[in-house]
C-alpha atoms as a PDB file:
ATOM      1  CA  MET A   1      -0.007  -0.016   0.097  1.00  0.00           C
ATOM      2  CA  ARG A   2       1.314   3.360  -1.022  1.00  0.00           C
ATOM      3  CA  HIS A   3       0.908   6.419   1.291  1.00  0.00           C
ATOM      4  CA  ARG A   4       2.153  10.075   0.956  1.00  0.00           C
ATOM      5  CA  ILE A   5       2.014  13.100   3.139  1.00  0.00           C
ATOM      6  CA  PHE A   6       0.858  16.362   1.710  1.00  0.00           C
ATOM      7  CA  ASN A   7       1.598  19.698   3.682  1.00  0.00           C
ATOM      8  CA  GLU A   8       4.218  18.587   6.208  1.00  0.00           C
ATOM      9  CA  ASP A   9       3.654  21.882   8.066  1.00  0.00           C
ATOM     10  CA  GLY A  10       0.016  21.430   8.519  1.00  0.00           C
ATOM     11  CA  GLU A  11      -1.424  21.979  12.082  1.00  0.00           C
ATOM     12  CA  THR A  12      -3.877  18.968  12.122  1.00  0.00           C
ATOM     13  CA  ASP A  13      -3.346  15.391  10.863  1.00  0.00           C
ATOM     14  CA  LEU A  14      -5.902  14.170   8.453  1.00  0.00           C
ATOM     15  CA  VAL A  15      -5.852  10.531   7.439  1.00  0.00           C
ATOM     16  CA  PHE A  16      -7.326  10.183   3.922  1.00  0.00           C
ATOM     17  CA  VAL A  17      -8.090   6.656   2.741  1.00  0.00           C
ATOM     18  CA  MET A  18      -8.944   6.823  -0.998  1.00  0.00           C
ATOM     19  CA  GLY A  19     -11.245   4.697  -2.978  1.00  0.00           C
ATOM     20  CA  TRP A  20     -10.508   1.721  -5.071  1.00  0.00           C
ATOM     21  CA  GLY A  21      -8.484   2.793  -8.135  1.00  0.00           C
ATOM     22  CA  ASN A  22      -8.157   6.415  -6.904  1.00  0.00           C
ATOM     23  CA  ARG A  23      -4.659   7.903  -7.153  1.00  0.00           C
ATOM     24  CA  TRP A  24      -3.347  11.088  -5.897  1.00  0.00           C
ATOM     25  CA  THR A  25      -2.155  11.800  -9.475  1.00  0.00           C
ATOM     26  CA  HIS A  26      -5.762  12.007 -10.548  1.00  0.00           C
ATOM     27  CA  GLU A  27      -6.651  15.668 -11.044  1.00  0.00           C
ATOM     28  CA  ASN A  28      -9.756  15.566  -9.022  1.00  0.00           C
ATOM     29  CA  VAL A  29      -8.264  13.746  -6.121  1.00  0.00           C
ATOM     30  CA  SER A  30      -5.412  16.260  -6.184  1.00  0.00           C
ATOM     31  CA  TRP A  31      -8.010  19.039  -6.221  1.00  0.00           C
ATOM     32  CA  LEU A  32      -9.500  17.716  -2.980  1.00  0.00           C
ATOM     33  CA  ILE A  33      -6.182  17.235  -1.357  1.00  0.00           C
ATOM     34  CA  GLY A  34      -5.271  20.779  -2.292  1.00  0.00           C
ATOM     35  CA  ARG A  35      -8.455  22.026  -0.565  1.00  0.00           C
ATOM     36  CA  LEU A  36      -7.770  20.120   2.484  1.00  0.00           C
ATOM     37  CA  THR A  37      -4.042  21.197   2.801  1.00  0.00           C
ATOM     38  CA  GLU A  38      -5.300  25.058   2.208  1.00  0.00           C
ATOM     39  CA  ALA A  39      -7.523  24.340   5.182  1.00  0.00           C
ATOM     40  CA  GLY A  40      -4.506  23.585   7.357  1.00  0.00           C
ATOM     41  CA  PHE A  41      -4.501  19.788   7.360  1.00  0.00           C
ATOM     42  CA  ARG A  42      -1.459  17.703   7.225  1.00  0.00           C
ATOM     43  CA  VAL A  43      -2.838  15.042   4.746  1.00  0.00           C
ATOM     44  CA  HIS A  44      -1.774  11.386   5.107  1.00  0.00           C
ATOM     45  CA  ALA A  45      -3.209   9.932   1.864  1.00  0.00           C
ATOM     46  CA  PHE A  46      -3.368   6.163   1.266  1.00  0.00           C
ATOM     47  CA  GLU A  47      -3.882   4.383  -2.070  1.00  0.00           C
ATOM     48  CA  LEU A  48      -5.468   1.025  -1.699  1.00  0.00           C
ATOM     49  CA  PRO A  49      -4.130  -1.898  -3.665  1.00  0.00           C
ATOM     50  CA  THR A  50      -6.520  -2.735  -6.507  1.00  0.00           C
ATOM     51  CA  ASN A  51      -6.393  -6.450  -5.708  1.00  0.00           C
ATOM     52  CA  VAL A  52      -6.917  -8.006  -2.301  1.00  0.00           C
ATOM     53  CA  GLU A  53      -6.350 -11.441  -1.052  1.00  0.00           C
ATOM     54  CA  ASP A  54      -6.964 -10.614   2.627  1.00  0.00           C
ATOM     55  CA  PHE A  55      -8.888  -7.512   3.677  1.00  0.00           C
ATOM     56  CA  LYS A  56      -7.210  -7.115   6.896  1.00  0.00           C
ATOM     57  CA  ALA A  57      -3.664  -7.820   5.886  1.00  0.00           C
ATOM     58  CA  ASP A  58      -3.830  -5.877   2.591  1.00  0.00           C
ATOM     59  CA  TRP A  59      -6.134  -2.995   3.311  1.00  0.00           C
ATOM     60  CA  LEU A  60      -6.796  -2.650   7.015  1.00  0.00           C
ATOM     61  CA  GLU A  61      -3.728  -3.491   8.872  1.00  0.00           C
ATOM     62  CA  PRO A  62      -1.261  -1.137   7.103  1.00  0.00           C
ATOM     63  CA  VAL A  63      -3.394   1.914   7.968  1.00  0.00           C
ATOM     64  CA  ALA A  64      -4.324   0.763  11.283  1.00  0.00           C
ATOM     65  CA  GLU A  65      -0.608   0.348  12.199  1.00  0.00           C
ATOM     66  CA  TYR A  66       0.112   3.795  10.675  1.00  0.00           C
ATOM     67  CA  VAL A  67      -2.290   5.642  12.876  1.00  0.00           C
ATOM     68  CA  ARG A  68      -1.653   3.820  16.081  1.00  0.00           C
ATOM     69  CA  ASP A  69       0.768   6.253  17.503  1.00  0.00           C
ATOM     70  CA  PHE A  70      -1.310   9.370  16.557  1.00  0.00           C
ATOM     71  CA  GLU A  71      -2.634  11.105  19.559  1.00  0.00           C
ATOM     72  CA  ASP A  72      -5.165  13.080  17.616  1.00  0.00           C
ATOM     73  CA  TYR A  73      -6.242  12.933  14.017  1.00  0.00           C
ATOM     74  CA  HIS A  74      -9.374  13.261  11.780  1.00  0.00           C
ATOM     75  CA  LEU A  75     -10.444  10.614   9.317  1.00  0.00           C
ATOM     76  CA  LEU A  76     -11.672  10.925   5.717  1.00  0.00           C
ATOM     77  CA  GLY A  77     -12.610   7.813   3.655  1.00  0.00           C
ATOM     78  CA  HIS A  78     -13.945   7.511   0.207  1.00  0.00           C
ATOM     79  CA  SER A  79     -15.910   4.605  -1.279  1.00  0.00           C
ATOM     80  CA  ALA A  80     -13.738   1.373  -0.378  1.00  0.00           C
ATOM     81  CA  GLY A  81     -11.557   3.630   1.675  1.00  0.00           C
ATOM     82  CA  ALA A  82     -14.526   4.145   3.927  1.00  0.00           C
ATOM     83  CA  LEU A  83     -14.884   0.445   4.290  1.00  0.00           C
ATOM     84  CA  VAL A  84     -11.360   0.507   5.665  1.00  0.00           C
ATOM     85  CA  ALA A  85     -11.770   3.707   7.564  1.00  0.00           C
ATOM     86  CA  GLN A  86     -14.843   2.478   9.624  1.00  0.00           C
ATOM     87  CA  ALA A  87     -12.626  -0.074  11.281  1.00  0.00           C
ATOM     88  CA  LEU A  88      -9.906   2.343  12.446  1.00  0.00           C
ATOM     89  CA  ASP A  89      -9.507   3.581  15.946  1.00  0.00           C
ATOM     90  CA  GLY A  90      -8.720   6.825  17.517  1.00  0.00           C
ATOM     91  CA  ALA A  91     -10.082   9.486  15.123  1.00  0.00           C
ATOM     92  CA  ASP A  92     -11.755  12.606  16.567  1.00  0.00           C
ATOM     93  CA  ASN A  93     -14.006  13.252  13.560  1.00  0.00           C
ATOM     94  CA  HIS A  94     -15.141  10.836  10.763  1.00  0.00           C
ATOM     95  CA  VAL A  95     -16.319  11.778   7.313  1.00  0.00           C
ATOM     96  CA  TYR A  96     -17.263   9.208   4.673  1.00  0.00           C
ATOM     97  CA  LEU A  97     -17.604  10.072   0.957  1.00  0.00           C
ATOM     98  CA  SER A  98     -19.940   7.652  -0.760  1.00  0.00           C
ATOM     99  CA  PRO A  99     -18.965   4.733   1.589  1.00  0.00           C
ATOM    100  CA  TRP A 100     -18.828   1.302  -0.053  1.00  0.00           C
ATOM    101  CA  TRP A 101     -20.565  -0.496   2.741  1.00  0.00           C
ATOM    102  CA  GLY A 102     -22.369  -2.609   0.315  1.00  0.00           C
ATOM    103  CA  TYR A 103     -22.581  -3.646  -3.385  1.00  0.00           C
ATOM    104  CA  GLY A 104     -24.877  -1.573  -5.398  1.00  0.00           C
ATOM    105  CA  GLU A 105     -28.233  -2.947  -6.546  1.00  0.00           C
ATOM    106  CA  GLY A 106     -26.927  -3.693  -9.997  1.00  0.00           C
ATOM    107  CA  VAL A 107     -24.874  -6.626  -8.647  1.00  0.00           C
ATOM    108  CA  PRO A 108     -27.081  -9.673  -7.998  1.00  0.00           C
ATOM    109  CA  GLU A 109     -26.419 -11.459  -4.647  1.00  0.00           C
ATOM    110  CA  PRO A 110     -26.376 -14.772  -6.000  1.00  0.00           C
ATOM    111  CA  ALA A 111     -23.690 -13.784  -8.535  1.00  0.00           C
ATOM    112  CA  LEU A 112     -21.633 -12.269  -5.910  1.00  0.00           C
ATOM    113  CA  GLU A 113     -21.958 -15.365  -3.753  1.00  0.00           C
ATOM    114  CA  ALA A 114     -20.946 -17.601  -6.706  1.00  0.00           C
ATOM    115  CA  LEU A 115     -17.858 -15.417  -7.598  1.00  0.00           C
ATOM    116  CA  SER A 116     -16.688 -15.350  -3.978  1.00  0.00           C
ATOM    117  CA  ARG A 117     -16.423 -19.118  -3.905  1.00  0.00           C
ATOM    118  CA  ILE A 118     -14.000 -19.367  -6.780  1.00  0.00           C
ATOM    119  CA  PRO A 119     -10.555 -20.237  -5.237  1.00  0.00           C
ATOM    120  CA  SER A 120      -8.461 -17.643  -7.036  1.00  0.00           C
ATOM    121  CA  SER A 121      -6.911 -14.298  -6.148  1.00  0.00           C
ATOM    122  CA  PHE A 122      -6.048 -13.603  -9.825  1.00  0.00           C
ATOM    123  CA  PRO A 123      -7.943 -10.482 -11.231  1.00  0.00           C
ATOM    124  CA  PHE A 124      -9.705 -12.008 -14.265  1.00  0.00           C
ATOM    125  CA  LEU A 125     -13.209 -10.803 -13.520  1.00  0.00           C
ATOM    126  CA  PRO A 126     -14.225  -7.753 -15.795  1.00  0.00           C
ATOM    127  CA  VAL A 127     -15.759  -4.858 -14.152  1.00  0.00           C
ATOM    128  CA  GLY A 128     -15.957  -2.593 -17.118  1.00  0.00           C
ATOM    129  CA  GLY A 129     -14.899   1.072 -16.913  1.00  0.00           C
ATOM    130  CA  PRO A 130     -17.167   3.525 -15.021  1.00  0.00           C
ATOM    131  CA  ASP A 131     -17.861   6.524 -17.199  1.00  0.00           C
ATOM    132  CA  ARG A 132     -18.580  10.148 -16.206  1.00  0.00           C
ATOM    133  CA  SER A 133     -22.230   9.474 -15.719  1.00  0.00           C
ATOM    134  CA  VAL A 134     -21.303   7.046 -12.862  1.00  0.00           C
ATOM    135  CA  LEU A 135     -18.134   8.694 -11.384  1.00  0.00           C
ATOM    136  CA  GLY A 136     -19.062  12.438 -11.953  1.00  0.00           C
ATOM    137  CA  GLU A 137     -19.141  14.701 -14.918  1.00  0.00           C
ATOM    138  CA  GLU A 138     -15.741  16.246 -13.956  1.00  0.00           C
ATOM    139  CA  ALA A 139     -13.910  12.889 -14.097  1.00  0.00           C
ATOM    140  CA  THR A 140     -10.917  13.466 -16.546  1.00  0.00           C
ATOM    141  CA  ASP A 141      -9.615  11.337 -19.535  1.00  0.00           C
ATOM    142  CA  HIS A 142      -6.610  10.423 -17.457  1.00  0.00           C
ATOM    143  CA  GLN A 143      -8.747   9.095 -14.442  1.00  0.00           C
ATOM    144  CA  LEU A 144     -10.982   7.164 -16.647  1.00  0.00           C
ATOM    145  CA  ALA A 145      -8.066   5.626 -18.596  1.00  0.00           C
ATOM    146  CA  THR A 146      -6.370   4.600 -15.478  1.00  0.00           C
ATOM    147  CA  THR A 147      -9.319   3.219 -13.631  1.00  0.00           C
ATOM    148  CA  PRO A 148      -8.809  -0.732 -13.072  1.00  0.00           C
ATOM    149  CA  ARG A 149     -10.813  -3.056 -15.234  1.00  0.00           C
ATOM    150  CA  TRP A 150     -10.410  -6.271 -13.433  1.00  0.00           C
ATOM    151  CA  ILE A 151     -10.993  -7.747  -9.968  1.00  0.00           C
ATOM    152  CA  SER A 152     -10.440 -11.185  -8.411  1.00  0.00           C
ATOM    153  CA  PRO A 153     -12.746 -13.594  -6.747  1.00  0.00           C
ATOM    154  CA  SER A 154     -10.779 -12.954  -3.577  1.00  0.00           C
ATOM    155  CA  PHE A 155     -11.530  -9.315  -3.936  1.00  0.00           C
ATOM    156  CA  VAL A 156     -15.314 -10.155  -4.093  1.00  0.00           C
ATOM    157  CA  ARG A 157     -15.172 -12.525  -1.153  1.00  0.00           C
ATOM    158  CA  GLU A 158     -12.942 -10.212   1.041  1.00  0.00           C
ATOM    159  CA  THR A 159     -14.874  -7.039   0.434  1.00  0.00           C
ATOM    160  CA  ARG A 160     -18.175  -8.776   1.071  1.00  0.00           C
ATOM    161  CA  ARG A 161     -16.883 -10.250   4.307  1.00  0.00           C
ATOM    162  CA  ALA A 162     -15.752  -6.813   5.491  1.00  0.00           C
ATOM    163  CA  GLN A 163     -19.123  -5.270   4.581  1.00  0.00           C
ATOM    164  CA  GLU A 164     -20.826  -7.998   6.633  1.00  0.00           C
ATOM    165  CA  GLU A 165     -18.576  -7.310   9.564  1.00  0.00           C
ATOM    166  CA  LEU A 166     -19.060  -3.512   9.624  1.00  0.00           C
ATOM    167  CA  LEU A 167     -18.444  -1.953  13.113  1.00  0.00           C
ATOM    168  CA  VAL A 168     -20.870   0.474  14.530  1.00  0.00           C
ATOM    169  CA  ILE A 169     -20.377   3.664  12.938  1.00  0.00           C
ATOM    170  CA  ASP A 170     -19.187   6.566  15.021  1.00  0.00           C
ATOM    171  CA  HIS A 171     -22.173   8.484  16.403  1.00  0.00           C
ATOM    172  CA  ASP A 172     -20.684  11.839  15.204  1.00  0.00           C
ATOM    173  CA  ALA A 173     -19.832  10.599  11.638  1.00  0.00           C
ATOM    174  CA  VAL A 174     -20.921  12.597   8.680  1.00  0.00           C
ATOM    175  CA  ILE A 175     -21.782  11.020   5.183  1.00  0.00           C
ATOM    176  CA  PHE A 176     -21.738  12.718   1.779  1.00  0.00           C
ATOM    177  CA  CYS A 177     -23.421  10.732  -0.932  1.00  0.00           C
ATOM    178  CA  SER A 178     -25.678  11.005  -3.997  1.00  0.00           C
ATOM    179  CA  LEU A 179     -28.916   9.294  -4.296  1.00  0.00           C
ATOM    180  CA  ARG A 180     -28.085   8.535  -7.959  1.00  0.00           C
ATOM    181  CA  ASP A 181     -24.937   6.564  -7.113  1.00  0.00           C
ATOM    182  CA  PRO A 182     -25.101   3.200  -8.641  1.00  0.00           C
ATOM    183  CA  LEU A 183     -21.964   1.735  -7.074  1.00  0.00           C
ATOM    184  CA  ILE A 184     -23.023   1.760  -3.300  1.00  0.00           C
ATOM    185  CA  ASP A 185     -25.717   0.286  -1.136  1.00  0.00           C
ATOM    186  CA  LEU A 186     -27.618   3.335   0.042  1.00  0.00           C
ATOM    187  CA  ARG A 187     -29.640   1.207   2.479  1.00  0.00           C
ATOM    188  CA  ALA A 188     -26.365   0.254   4.147  1.00  0.00           C
ATOM    189  CA  ILE A 189     -25.913   4.009   4.978  1.00  0.00           C
ATOM    190  CA  GLY A 190     -29.409   4.614   6.095  1.00  0.00           C
ATOM    191  CA  GLU A 191     -29.350   1.644   8.559  1.00  0.00           C
ATOM    192  CA  ARG A 192     -26.373   2.969  10.329  1.00  0.00           C
ATOM    193  CA  VAL A 193     -26.183   6.851  10.182  1.00  0.00           C
ATOM    194  CA  PRO A 194     -28.987   9.223  11.082  1.00  0.00           C
ATOM    195  CA  ALA A 195     -30.471  11.135   8.376  1.00  0.00           C
ATOM    196  CA  GLU A 196     -29.469  14.501   9.913  1.00  0.00           C
ATOM    197  CA  HIS A 197     -25.696  13.438   9.453  1.00  0.00           C
ATOM    198  CA  VAL A 198     -26.269  12.766   5.818  1.00  0.00           C
ATOM    199  CA  VAL A 199     -25.360  15.424   3.088  1.00  0.00           C
ATOM    200  CA  LEU A 200     -26.842  14.686  -0.236  1.00  0.00           C
ATOM    201  CA  TYR A 201     -25.387  16.178  -3.285  1.00  0.00           C
ATOM    202  CA  ASP A 202     -26.548  16.054  -6.984  1.00  0.00           C
ATOM    203  CA  GLY A 203     -23.811  14.069  -8.879  1.00  0.00           C
ATOM    204  CA  GLY A 204     -22.013  10.665  -9.263  1.00  0.00           C
ATOM    205  CA  HIS A 205     -20.042   8.449  -6.962  1.00  0.00           C
ATOM    206  CA  GLU A 206     -17.245  10.951  -6.348  1.00  0.00           C
ATOM    207  CA  LEU A 207     -18.043  14.187  -4.793  1.00  0.00           C
ATOM    208  CA  PHE A 208     -14.611  15.634  -5.959  1.00  0.00           C
ATOM    209  CA  SER A 209     -15.627  14.699  -9.517  1.00  0.00           C
ATOM    210  CA  SER A 210     -19.038  16.539  -9.269  1.00  0.00           C
ATOM    211  CA  PRO A 211     -19.638  19.802 -10.959  1.00  0.00           C
ATOM    212  CA  ALA A 212     -21.234  20.857  -7.629  1.00  0.00           C
ATOM    213  CA  ARG A 213     -18.075  20.109  -5.568  1.00  0.00           C
ATOM    214  CA  ASP A 214     -17.187  23.675  -4.819  1.00  0.00           C
ATOM    215  CA  ARG A 215     -20.651  24.159  -3.070  1.00  0.00           C
ATOM    216  CA  TYR A 216     -19.754  21.162  -0.726  1.00  0.00           C
ATOM    217  CA  VAL A 217     -16.198  21.419   0.054  1.00  0.00           C
ATOM    218  CA  GLU A 218     -16.499  23.952   2.871  1.00  0.00           C
ATOM    219  CA  THR A 219     -19.095  21.754   4.521  1.00  0.00           C
ATOM    220  CA  LEU A 220     -16.868  18.727   4.171  1.00  0.00           C
ATOM    221  CA  ILE A 221     -14.011  20.713   5.790  1.00  0.00           C
ATOM    222  CA  GLU A 222     -16.279  21.930   8.715  1.00  0.00           C
ATOM    223  CA  ALA A 223     -17.492  18.379   9.257  1.00  0.00           C
ATOM    224  CA  LEU A 224     -13.707  17.217   9.563  1.00  0.00           C
ATOM    225  CA  GLU A 225     -13.083  20.087  11.945  1.00  0.00           C
ATOM    226  CA  GLU A 226     -16.271  19.875  14.039  1.00  0.00           C
ATOM    227  CA  GLY A 227     -18.081  16.591  13.518  1.00  0.00           C
ATOM    228  CA  ALA A 228     -21.726  16.218  13.025  1.00  0.00           C
ATOM    229  CA  ARG A 229     -22.344  19.659  14.463  1.00  0.00           C
ATOM    230  CA  ALA A 230     -21.427  21.222  11.063  1.00  0.00           C
ATOM    231  CA  VAL A 231     -24.354  19.447   9.323  1.00  0.00           C
ATOM    232  CA  GLU A 232     -27.084  18.812  11.938  1.00  0.00           C
ATOM    233  CA  GLU A 233     -29.097  21.807  10.985  1.00  0.00           C
ATOM    234  CA  ARG A 234     -29.177  21.024   7.268  1.00  0.00           C
ATOM    235  CA  ARG A 235     -29.746  17.716   5.704  1.00  0.00           C
ATOM    236  CA  THR A 236     -29.016  18.950   2.138  1.00  0.00           C
ATOM    237  CA  ILE A 237     -27.348  21.988   0.520  1.00  0.00           C
ATOM    238  CA  PRO A 238     -29.427  23.622  -2.191  1.00  0.00           C
ATOM    239  CA  VAL A 239     -28.075  23.051  -5.634  1.00  0.00           C
END
């Protein structure tokens, strides 16, 4: 797993676990990191390996070991990164962008079960390439071209197991998501997070690739700094 620190002189540590396939070289990820560093955060950004044989060993434990000695830090997780982030200890405030706590409705449960039983960790299962209508209209050609196209049966098995073993979500956590997102299970969010802690935006899976991102980034930063207090009075922001 790769990680990189942005803004070494920042006043507050922020651990950012990015989504599957996200890279800090992607223009929109870089935009978000730039806004976070401008707000004074020392951003510890983690790129998830695109294949996984063991969820804990490959995804969770490297980040958990990294944050173990932090006295204070805030936590931001996007998509599959939120699946990792919800299992971390010690963060003051938790913000999740489009948390992948369940597969989207477009993937039948029997198919997932069958794929997860294949005894292989080789990524030969095609997932296709999500386009701008799925990720967000601001997704760049470079981002789309470098998005992984294959996953392994072990990836399916391990991520499903992690979703089934979700911990209790922090009472002060804030969620940003879109009701039009086909990649995540919105019910998994609704069952775990009160509605007043959910900020809805109009766009795709990636808030940072949405044309409306500038309208929400200040609220995102406030949620990282203050927790749910920043959003309890407003369930959505007018678009």
